[in-house]
């Protein structure tokens, strides 16, 4: 039976940056208030659709693996903020990279990328696929009510992707666990869908809503429980975990999780300060950053865990391979952005904050 290992990686974050000080110009908040409670310093705001972010991350991941789009056997795209409900945006990425395979979106919110990684692992181990492209991509700033400080300060846009390949080497995904707690599904939601009255504009309630205290508590417990399960399942002593790459929702959640797991704080990779919460994109973006910074090293045991709306949770344990540099680099870029982040959000901010 083949193992499934990550051979390529790529990220795409849009160039426009919205700082905490920018937010303070139209929300009752401050840089200190946001950093103290979340660890976030800034977030990126996209001038393009989610599929464009996803496509560029995918092209960069393919180049890093030295794989052509035509070689990919399956595309799994995790997102809660697609361009369209129908068709899926995995098909847009497929067209943009020249793939001729099965392609679909999944919505497991912030856990979506790890759900996709688990599915890719199963496809490869079953022999159905040899090369799978897994993407997490979000344009969550589109869904924000900018008058609601609790959510407006948290989210950002971006995408990350990995190529997962079959290998005979003793590395790759060691195990994964997925779960969902439906009792908490009302604690985090965006209410757009068939529950709305399409003829009543007052029912167009599709901005992100959440209960911060409940999410904080359940996120820690959910990620800790699944992480413990997957570590035990793989019979790996916890002190042999070299690096933890958790979902980047809130730095306080990460700190508490690492403390409860009795792991040294320096084993957790944290980059939320630069991006905010990009939901399904946080983990693949973090993988790219950890590699770029030399923190993710060859043959390390890496634990990744996430928690999101649903309430979904996921944990993946993997042993990295011996390569930590890309084989090639893509020269693809996003279209030029001629607006600042404040200019990009102005119409929405004026609508919500003046109403």
Protein backbone atom coordinates (compact mmCIF):
# COMPACT_ATOMS: atom_id res chain seq x y z
CA UNK A 1 0.00 0.00 0.00
CA UNK A 2 1.32 3.43 -0.93
CA UNK A 3 1.86 6.26 1.51
CA UNK A 4 0.62 9.76 0.69
CA UNK A 5 3.11 12.60 1.06
CA UNK A 6 3.09 16.31 0.30
CA UNK A 7 5.47 17.03 -2.57
CA UNK A 8 4.43 20.54 -3.56
CA UNK A 9 3.06 23.60 -1.80
CA UNK A 10 1.98 27.09 -2.71
CA UNK A 11 0.11 30.06 -1.27
CA UNK A 12 -1.60 33.16 -2.61
CA UNK A 13 -2.38 36.16 -0.45
CA UNK A 14 -3.76 39.28 -2.13
CA UNK A 15 -1.53 42.39 -1.93
CA UNK A 16 -3.96 44.78 -0.22
CA UNK A 17 -3.38 44.81 3.56
CA UNK A 18 -5.96 46.05 6.08
CA UNK A 19 -4.26 46.90 9.37
CA UNK A 20 -5.82 47.15 12.79
CA UNK A 21 -5.33 50.91 12.62
CA UNK A 22 -7.26 50.92 9.33
CA UNK A 23 -10.15 49.13 11.04
CA UNK A 24 -10.12 51.70 13.83
CA UNK A 25 -11.04 54.39 11.29
CA UNK A 26 -14.58 53.01 10.97
CA UNK A 27 -15.04 50.55 13.88
CA UNK A 28 -14.88 51.26 17.61
CA UNK A 29 -11.64 49.37 18.19
CA UNK A 30 -7.88 49.80 18.40
CA UNK A 31 -4.69 48.00 17.44
CA UNK A 32 -4.07 47.12 21.09
CA UNK A 33 -7.62 45.79 21.62
CA UNK A 34 -7.38 43.48 18.61
CA UNK A 35 -3.83 42.23 19.21
CA UNK A 36 -4.48 41.53 22.89
CA UNK A 37 -7.57 39.43 22.20
CA UNK A 38 -6.63 37.70 18.96
CA UNK A 39 -2.94 38.14 18.13
CA UNK A 40 -3.92 39.62 14.76
CA UNK A 41 -2.01 42.67 13.45
CA UNK A 42 -3.34 42.76 9.89
CA UNK A 43 -5.27 40.82 7.26
CA UNK A 44 -5.36 40.74 3.44
CA UNK A 45 -8.37 41.85 1.37
CA UNK A 46 -8.84 40.33 -2.07
CA UNK A 47 -9.59 42.27 -5.25
CA UNK A 48 -10.29 39.01 -7.11
CA UNK A 49 -12.62 36.05 -6.67
CA UNK A 50 -11.85 33.04 -4.49
CA UNK A 51 -11.18 30.87 -7.54
CA UNK A 52 -8.37 33.19 -8.69
CA UNK A 53 -6.66 32.95 -5.30
CA UNK A 54 -7.08 29.16 -5.41
CA UNK A 55 -5.78 28.88 -8.97
CA UNK A 56 -2.59 30.80 -8.25
CA UNK A 57 -1.90 28.80 -5.07
CA UNK A 58 -2.47 25.63 -7.12
CA UNK A 59 -0.07 26.71 -9.88
CA UNK A 60 2.62 27.44 -7.31
CA UNK A 61 2.08 24.07 -5.59
CA UNK A 62 2.28 22.24 -8.92
CA UNK A 63 5.53 24.02 -9.79
CA UNK A 64 7.01 23.17 -6.39
CA UNK A 65 6.25 19.49 -7.05
CA UNK A 66 7.32 19.73 -10.72
CA UNK A 67 3.94 18.30 -11.68
CA UNK A 68 1.77 19.35 -14.63
CA UNK A 69 -1.93 20.00 -14.15
CA UNK A 70 -2.66 17.19 -16.60
CA UNK A 71 -1.02 14.71 -14.20
CA UNK A 72 -3.43 15.44 -11.33
CA UNK A 73 -5.96 12.67 -10.64
CA UNK A 74 -8.28 14.64 -8.34
CA UNK A 75 -8.84 18.23 -7.16
CA UNK A 76 -10.32 18.80 -3.71
CA UNK A 77 -11.06 22.45 -2.92
CA UNK A 78 -12.08 23.43 0.60
CA UNK A 79 -13.96 26.72 0.85
CA UNK A 80 -16.87 28.36 2.62
CA UNK A 81 -16.77 31.40 0.30
CA UNK A 82 -16.97 30.18 -3.31
CA UNK A 83 -17.51 32.47 -6.30
CA UNK A 84 -20.73 30.62 -7.08
CA UNK A 85 -22.86 27.90 -5.48
CA UNK A 86 -23.17 26.21 -8.89
CA UNK A 87 -20.85 25.31 -10.52
CA UNK A 88 -18.18 24.47 -7.99
CA UNK A 89 -15.00 26.53 -8.14
CA UNK A 90 -12.78 23.44 -8.23
CA UNK A 91 -13.88 23.26 -11.87
CA UNK A 92 -12.55 26.80 -12.42
CA UNK A 93 -9.20 25.83 -10.94
CA UNK A 94 -9.24 22.68 -13.07
CA UNK A 95 -9.67 24.75 -16.23
CA UNK A 96 -6.96 27.18 -15.16
CA UNK A 97 -4.33 24.48 -14.59
CA UNK A 98 -5.23 22.21 -17.51
CA UNK A 99 -6.38 19.22 -15.45
CA UNK A 100 -8.73 16.49 -16.75
CA UNK A 101 -9.86 14.78 -13.55
CA UNK A 102 -12.55 14.73 -10.90
CA UNK A 103 -12.87 18.09 -9.16
CA UNK A 104 -15.15 19.15 -6.33
CA UNK A 105 -15.59 21.63 -3.48
CA UNK A 106 -16.07 20.70 0.15
CA UNK A 107 -17.42 22.93 2.91
CA UNK A 108 -16.13 21.90 6.32
CA UNK A 109 -15.42 25.54 7.20
CA UNK A 110 -12.07 26.07 8.94
CA UNK A 111 -11.44 22.31 9.06
CA UNK A 112 -11.94 21.96 5.31
CA UNK A 113 -8.31 21.70 4.24
CA UNK A 114 -7.62 18.85 6.67
CA UNK A 115 -10.83 17.11 5.57
CA UNK A 116 -9.46 17.37 2.03
CA UNK A 117 -6.07 16.07 3.09
CA UNK A 118 -7.73 13.08 4.73
CA UNK A 119 -9.73 12.36 1.57
CA UNK A 120 -6.59 12.64 -0.55
CA UNK A 121 -4.82 10.17 1.72
CA UNK A 122 -7.68 7.68 1.36
CA UNK A 123 -7.73 8.06 -2.43
CA UNK A 124 -4.01 7.37 -2.67
CA UNK A 125 -3.98 4.47 -0.21
CA UNK A 126 -6.87 2.84 -2.07
CA UNK A 127 -4.93 3.05 -5.33
CA UNK A 128 -7.59 5.22 -6.97
CA UNK A 129 -5.27 8.23 -7.31
CA UNK A 130 -1.54 8.86 -7.53
CA UNK A 131 -1.51 12.65 -7.43
CA UNK A 132 -4.14 14.77 -5.67
CA UNK A 133 -4.32 18.55 -5.46
CA UNK A 134 -5.78 19.82 -2.17
CA UNK A 135 -6.63 23.51 -1.85
CA UNK A 136 -7.98 25.75 0.90
CA UNK A 137 -9.20 29.13 -0.37
CA UNK A 138 -11.35 31.88 1.10
CA UNK A 139 -12.58 35.40 0.43
CA UNK A 140 -14.25 35.86 3.79
CA UNK A 141 -14.06 39.66 3.84
CA UNK A 142 -16.92 39.55 1.30
CA UNK A 143 -19.19 38.10 4.01
CA UNK A 144 -18.38 40.51 6.83
CA UNK A 145 -20.75 42.95 8.48
CA UNK A 146 -18.12 45.62 9.14
CA UNK A 147 -20.15 47.13 11.99
CA UNK A 148 -19.76 43.95 14.06
CA UNK A 149 -16.44 44.26 15.79
CA UNK A 150 -16.41 40.65 17.02
CA UNK A 151 -16.17 39.29 13.46
CA UNK A 152 -14.87 42.25 11.43
CA UNK A 153 -11.46 42.12 13.13
CA UNK A 154 -10.94 38.37 12.70
CA UNK A 155 -11.10 37.34 9.07
CA UNK A 156 -8.93 37.73 5.99
CA UNK A 157 -8.58 36.41 2.45
CA UNK A 158 -6.08 33.98 0.96
CA UNK A 159 -5.42 30.52 -0.42
CA UNK A 160 -2.99 27.67 0.01
CA UNK A 161 -2.53 24.40 -1.87
CA UNK A 162 -0.55 21.18 -1.71
CA UNK A 163 0.17 18.34 -4.10
CA UNK A 164 -0.17 14.95 -2.40
CA UNK A 165 1.53 12.04 -4.16
CA UNK A 166 1.78 8.29 -3.73
CA UNK A 167 5.17 7.17 -2.43
CA UNK A 168 6.90 4.00 -1.31
CA UNK A 169 9.01 6.01 1.12
CA UNK A 170 8.50 5.79 4.87
CA UNK A 171 6.90 9.21 5.16
CA UNK A 172 3.65 11.03 4.49
CA UNK A 173 0.30 11.02 6.26
CA UNK A 174 0.45 8.66 9.23
CA UNK A 175 -3.17 9.04 10.25
CA UNK A 176 -6.11 11.41 10.48
CA UNK A 177 -9.33 11.87 12.42
CA UNK A 178 -12.42 13.86 11.43
CA UNK A 179 -15.39 14.76 13.61
CA UNK A 180 -18.42 17.01 13.88
CA UNK A 181 -20.46 18.25 16.84
CA UNK A 182 -23.90 19.22 15.50
CA UNK A 183 -25.03 20.41 18.94
CA UNK A 184 -22.93 23.53 18.38
CA UNK A 185 -23.85 24.24 14.77
CA UNK A 186 -25.67 27.49 15.66
CA UNK A 187 -22.62 29.00 17.35
CA UNK A 188 -20.94 29.89 14.05
CA UNK A 189 -22.85 30.50 10.84
CA UNK A 190 -23.53 32.61 7.79
CA UNK A 191 -27.26 32.30 7.16
CA UNK A 192 -27.45 32.52 3.38
CA UNK A 193 -29.36 29.63 1.79
CA UNK A 194 -32.80 28.16 1.31
CA UNK A 195 -33.82 29.15 4.85
CA UNK A 196 -34.03 32.76 3.66
CA UNK A 197 -37.04 34.39 2.02
CA UNK A 198 -35.63 35.26 -1.39
CA UNK A 199 -38.34 37.93 -1.89
CA UNK A 200 -37.64 39.76 1.37
CA UNK A 201 -34.38 41.72 1.45
CA UNK A 202 -34.56 41.83 5.25
CA UNK A 203 -33.91 38.08 5.28
CA UNK A 204 -30.62 38.38 3.37
CA UNK A 205 -28.74 37.61 6.55
CA UNK A 206 -25.58 36.06 5.13
CA UNK A 207 -22.90 37.80 7.15
CA UNK A 208 -20.75 35.74 9.53
CA UNK A 209 -22.16 35.39 13.05
CA UNK A 210 -20.61 33.58 15.98
CA UNK A 211 -20.66 33.08 19.74
CA UNK A 212 -17.05 33.79 20.68
CA UNK A 213 -17.05 32.24 24.15
CA UNK A 214 -18.62 28.97 23.04
CA UNK A 215 -16.33 28.72 20.02
CA UNK A 216 -13.24 29.38 22.16
CA UNK A 217 -14.10 26.58 24.58
CA UNK A 218 -15.25 24.04 22.00
CA UNK A 219 -12.36 24.75 19.63
CA UNK A 220 -9.77 23.90 22.27
CA UNK A 221 -11.57 20.74 23.37
CA UNK A 222 -12.31 19.59 19.81
CA UNK A 223 -8.75 20.02 18.55
CA UNK A 224 -7.20 18.53 21.69
CA UNK A 225 -9.44 15.45 21.63
CA UNK A 226 -8.87 14.64 17.96
CA UNK A 227 -5.14 15.37 18.17
CA UNK A 228 -4.84 12.97 21.10
CA UNK A 229 -6.82 10.32 19.20
CA UNK A 230 -4.67 10.49 16.08
CA UNK A 231 -1.41 10.48 18.09
CA UNK A 232 -2.60 7.42 20.03
CA UNK A 233 -3.80 5.71 16.84
CA UNK A 234 -0.36 6.14 15.29
CA UNK A 235 1.40 4.95 18.47
CA UNK A 236 3.64 8.01 18.47
CA UNK A 237 4.88 9.33 21.82
CA UNK A 238 3.77 12.94 22.13
CA UNK A 239 7.33 14.09 22.78
CA UNK A 240 8.18 12.94 19.24
CA UNK A 241 5.91 15.62 17.75
CA UNK A 242 8.37 18.07 16.21
CA UNK A 243 5.97 20.76 15.00
CA UNK A 244 2.31 21.65 15.44
CA UNK A 245 0.60 23.59 12.65
CA UNK A 246 -2.86 24.41 14.00
CA UNK A 247 -5.71 26.34 12.42
CA UNK A 248 -4.97 30.03 12.87
CA UNK A 249 -8.22 31.32 14.40
CA UNK A 250 -6.97 33.09 17.50
CA UNK A 251 -3.55 33.12 19.13
CA UNK A 252 -5.10 32.62 22.57
CA UNK A 253 -6.82 29.45 21.36
CA UNK A 254 -3.50 28.12 20.05
CA UNK A 255 -1.64 28.97 23.27
CA UNK A 256 -4.31 27.26 25.40
CA UNK A 257 -4.39 24.19 23.14
CA UNK A 258 -0.62 23.73 23.28
CA UNK A 259 -0.64 24.18 27.06
CA UNK A 260 -3.41 21.59 27.54
CA UNK A 261 -1.53 19.13 25.34
CA UNK A 262 1.56 19.69 27.53
CA UNK A 263 3.72 20.60 24.54
CA UNK A 264 6.41 23.30 24.54
CA UNK A 265 5.01 26.55 23.20
CA UNK A 266 7.81 26.85 20.64
CA UNK A 267 6.56 23.70 18.88
CA UNK A 268 3.48 25.57 17.65
CA UNK A 269 3.77 27.51 14.40
CA UNK A 270 1.78 30.74 14.58
CA UNK A 271 1.37 33.25 11.76
CA UNK A 272 -2.09 34.67 12.49
CA UNK A 273 -0.59 38.13 13.07
CA UNK A 274 -0.04 38.56 9.33
CA UNK A 275 -3.23 37.10 7.88
CA UNK A 276 -6.03 36.88 10.42
CA UNK A 277 -8.32 33.87 10.15
CA UNK A 278 -8.46 32.70 6.53
CA UNK A 279 -10.56 29.65 7.47
CA UNK A 280 -9.77 26.68 5.19
CA UNK A 281 -6.65 28.47 3.93
CA UNK A 282 -4.87 28.98 7.27
CA UNK A 283 -3.12 25.61 7.44
CA UNK A 284 -1.78 25.40 3.87
CA UNK A 285 -0.61 29.03 4.12
CA UNK A 286 1.09 28.17 7.42
CA UNK A 287 2.79 25.13 5.85
CA UNK A 288 4.23 27.39 3.16
CA UNK A 289 5.41 29.97 5.70
CA UNK A 290 6.96 27.34 7.96
CA UNK A 291 8.91 25.98 4.98
CA UNK A 292 9.99 29.44 3.82
CA UNK A 293 11.21 30.31 7.32
CA UNK A 294 13.14 27.05 7.76
CA UNK A 295 10.98 26.01 10.71
CA UNK A 296 9.55 22.95 8.98
CA UNK A 297 12.51 20.62 8.47
CA UNK A 298 13.05 17.29 6.66
CA UNK A 299 11.61 14.15 8.27
CA UNK A 300 9.78 15.99 11.04
CA UNK A 301 6.65 14.58 12.67
CA UNK A 302 3.99 17.25 12.15
CA UNK A 303 0.61 17.48 13.83
CA UNK A 304 -2.02 19.69 12.23
CA UNK A 305 -5.45 20.29 13.73
CA UNK A 306 -8.44 22.50 13.01
CA UNK A 307 -11.89 23.45 14.21
CA UNK A 308 -14.71 25.22 12.39
CA UNK A 309 -18.41 25.79 11.82
CA UNK A 310 -20.59 22.74 12.00
CA UNK A 311 -18.92 22.28 14.45
CA UNK A 312 -16.26 20.44 12.49
CA UNK A 313 -12.89 19.32 13.79
CA UNK A 314 -9.96 17.50 12.23
CA UNK A 315 -6.44 16.33 13.04
CA UNK A 316 -3.76 14.98 10.72
CA UNK A 317 -0.41 13.50 11.73
CA UNK A 318 2.26 13.29 9.07
CA UNK A 319 5.95 12.65 8.67
CA UNK A 320 7.45 15.15 6.28
CA UNK A 321 9.69 13.92 3.47
CA UNK A 322 13.30 14.85 2.85
CA UNK A 323 12.63 17.84 0.60
CA UNK A 324 11.75 21.30 1.95
CA UNK A 325 12.48 23.43 -1.12
CA UNK A 326 10.42 23.72 -4.31
CA UNK A 327 11.64 21.92 -7.43
CA UNK A 328 10.44 24.79 -9.61
CA UNK A 329 8.70 28.14 -9.19
CA UNK A 330 5.69 29.47 -11.05
CA UNK A 331 5.82 32.93 -12.62
CA UNK A 332 2.02 33.30 -12.45
CA UNK A 333 0.72 36.35 -10.59
CA UNK A 334 -2.62 37.89 -9.65
CA UNK A 335 -3.98 40.76 -11.73
CA UNK A 336 -2.70 44.12 -10.52
CA UNK A 337 -4.60 45.68 -7.61
CA UNK A 338 -5.05 49.45 -7.96
CA UNK A 339 -6.87 50.02 -4.68
CA UNK A 340 -5.89 50.03 -1.03
CA UNK A 341 -7.58 47.62 1.34
CA UNK A 342 -9.57 50.51 2.82
CA UNK A 343 -10.79 51.42 -0.65
CA UNK A 344 -11.73 47.80 -1.35
CA UNK A 345 -13.93 47.54 1.77
CA UNK A 346 -15.26 51.12 1.72
CA UNK A 347 -18.58 50.37 0.04
CA UNK A 348 -19.37 47.53 2.44
CA UNK A 349 -18.09 49.47 5.48
CA UNK A 350 -20.20 52.49 4.55
CA UNK A 351 -23.26 50.28 4.06
CA UNK A 352 -22.99 48.47 7.39
CA UNK A 353 -21.52 51.18 9.59
CA UNK A 354 -23.86 53.97 8.43
CA UNK A 355 -27.06 51.94 8.49
